[in-house]
């Protein structure tokens, strides 16, 4: 099992940073979307 994890890590090492950036951006979008209702933006007449 450890060998399989090590092999998968070696194969995906090139895209690991891109995957981390993608995951962080999804979390950021989710947090912003959840906080939008609390902004209480004024409604134009």
N, C-alpha and C. Protein backbone atom coordinates (compact mmCIF):
# COMPACT_ATOMS: atom_id res chain seq x y z
N UNK A 1 0.83 -1.20 0.00
CA UNK A 1 0.00 0.00 0.00
C UNK A 1 0.87 1.26 0.00
N UNK A 2 1.93 1.24 0.81
CA UNK A 2 2.83 2.39 0.85
C UNK A 2 3.48 2.60 -0.52
N UNK A 3 3.79 1.51 -1.20
CA UNK A 3 4.40 1.61 -2.52
C UNK A 3 3.45 2.26 -3.51
N UNK A 4 2.16 1.92 -3.43
CA UNK A 4 1.18 2.52 -4.32
C UNK A 4 1.03 4.02 -4.06
N UNK A 5 1.02 4.42 -2.79
CA UNK A 5 0.92 5.84 -2.45
C UNK A 5 2.16 6.58 -2.95
N UNK A 6 3.31 5.98 -2.75
CA UNK A 6 4.56 6.60 -3.19
C UNK A 6 4.59 6.75 -4.71
N UNK A 7 4.12 5.74 -5.43
CA UNK A 7 4.08 5.79 -6.88
C UNK A 7 3.11 6.87 -7.37
N UNK A 8 1.95 6.92 -6.74
CA UNK A 8 0.96 7.95 -7.12
C UNK A 8 1.51 9.34 -6.85
N UNK A 9 2.22 9.54 -5.74
CA UNK A 9 2.80 10.84 -5.42
C UNK A 9 3.86 11.23 -6.45
N UNK A 10 4.69 10.29 -6.84
CA UNK A 10 5.74 10.59 -7.81
C UNK A 10 5.13 10.94 -9.17
N UNK A 11 4.07 10.23 -9.56
CA UNK A 11 3.44 10.50 -10.85
C UNK A 11 2.72 11.84 -10.88
N UNK A 12 2.13 12.24 -9.76
CA UNK A 12 1.33 13.46 -9.76
C UNK A 12 2.08 14.66 -9.19
N UNK A 13 3.35 14.55 -9.02
CA UNK A 13 4.14 15.63 -8.42
C UNK A 13 4.08 16.90 -9.27
N UNK A 14 3.98 16.76 -10.57
CA UNK A 14 3.96 17.93 -11.46
C UNK A 14 2.69 18.75 -11.31
N UNK A 15 1.58 18.11 -11.03
CA UNK A 15 0.30 18.83 -10.96
C UNK A 15 -0.16 19.08 -9.53
N UNK A 16 0.65 18.74 -8.56
CA UNK A 16 0.26 18.89 -7.16
C UNK A 16 0.02 20.35 -6.79
N UNK A 17 0.86 21.25 -7.24
CA UNK A 17 0.69 22.67 -6.95
C UNK A 17 -0.58 23.22 -7.61
N UNK A 18 -0.83 22.82 -8.84
CA UNK A 18 -2.04 23.27 -9.53
C UNK A 18 -3.29 22.78 -8.82
N UNK A 19 -3.27 21.55 -8.34
CA UNK A 19 -4.42 21.00 -7.62
C UNK A 19 -4.63 21.74 -6.30
N UNK A 20 -3.55 22.09 -5.61
CA UNK A 20 -3.67 22.82 -4.35
C UNK A 20 -4.24 24.23 -4.58
N UNK A 21 -3.80 24.89 -5.64
CA UNK A 21 -4.32 26.21 -5.97
C UNK A 21 -5.80 26.12 -6.34
N UNK A 22 -6.17 25.11 -7.08
CA UNK A 22 -7.57 24.91 -7.45
C UNK A 22 -8.45 24.67 -6.23
N UNK A 23 -7.99 23.84 -5.31
CA UNK A 23 -8.76 23.56 -4.10
C UNK A 23 -8.90 24.81 -3.24
N UNK A 24 -7.83 25.60 -3.13
CA UNK A 24 -7.88 26.83 -2.35
C UNK A 24 -8.84 27.84 -2.98
N UNK A 25 -8.87 27.91 -4.31
CA UNK A 25 -9.77 28.86 -4.95
C UNK A 25 -11.23 28.44 -4.78
N UNK A 26 -11.51 27.14 -4.79
CA UNK A 26 -12.88 26.67 -4.56
C UNK A 26 -13.33 27.02 -3.14
N UNK A 27 -12.46 26.84 -2.17
CA UNK A 27 -12.79 27.20 -0.78
C UNK A 27 -13.02 28.69 -0.66
N UNK A 28 -12.20 29.50 -1.31
CA UNK A 28 -12.37 30.95 -1.27
C UNK A 28 -13.69 31.38 -1.89
N UNK A 29 -14.04 30.81 -3.03
CA UNK A 29 -15.32 31.13 -3.67
C UNK A 29 -16.48 30.76 -2.76
N UNK A 30 -16.40 29.60 -2.12
CA UNK A 30 -17.46 29.17 -1.21
C UNK A 30 -17.60 30.12 -0.03
N UNK A 31 -16.49 30.53 0.56
CA UNK A 31 -16.54 31.44 1.69
C UNK A 31 -17.13 32.80 1.30
N UNK A 32 -16.74 33.32 0.15
CA UNK A 32 -17.28 34.59 -0.32
C UNK A 32 -18.77 34.47 -0.58
N UNK A 33 -19.19 33.38 -1.21
CA UNK A 33 -20.60 33.18 -1.51
C UNK A 33 -21.43 33.07 -0.23
N UNK A 34 -20.89 32.46 0.80
CA UNK A 34 -21.63 32.32 2.05
C UNK A 34 -21.72 33.64 2.82
N UNK A 35 -20.79 34.55 2.60
CA UNK A 35 -20.80 35.82 3.32
C UNK A 35 -21.51 36.94 2.56
N UNK A 36 -21.89 36.71 1.33
CA UNK A 36 -22.57 37.75 0.55
C UNK A 36 -23.89 38.22 1.18
N UNK A 37 -24.72 37.36 1.73
CA UNK A 37 -25.97 37.83 2.31
C UNK A 37 -25.78 38.78 3.50
N UNK A 38 -24.65 38.72 4.15
CA UNK A 38 -24.44 39.56 5.33
C UNK A 38 -23.92 40.95 4.98
N UNK A 39 -23.75 41.28 3.72
CA UNK A 39 -23.21 42.58 3.32
C UNK A 39 -24.27 43.69 3.41
N UNK A 40 -25.54 43.35 3.25
CA UNK A 40 -26.63 44.32 3.32
C UNK A 40 -26.40 45.50 2.38
N UNK A 41 -26.24 45.20 1.12
CA UNK A 41 -26.03 46.25 0.14
C UNK A 41 -27.31 47.04 -0.05
N UNK A 42 -27.22 48.36 -0.20
CA UNK A 42 -28.42 49.18 -0.38
C UNK A 42 -29.08 48.92 -1.74
N UNK A 43 -30.38 48.89 -1.75
CA UNK A 43 -31.13 48.67 -2.97
C UNK A 43 -31.44 50.02 -3.60
N UNK A 44 -31.14 50.14 -4.88
CA UNK A 44 -31.39 51.41 -5.57
C UNK A 44 -32.90 51.57 -5.84
N UNK A 45 -33.45 52.78 -5.65
CA UNK A 45 -34.89 52.98 -5.89
C UNK A 45 -35.26 52.97 -7.35
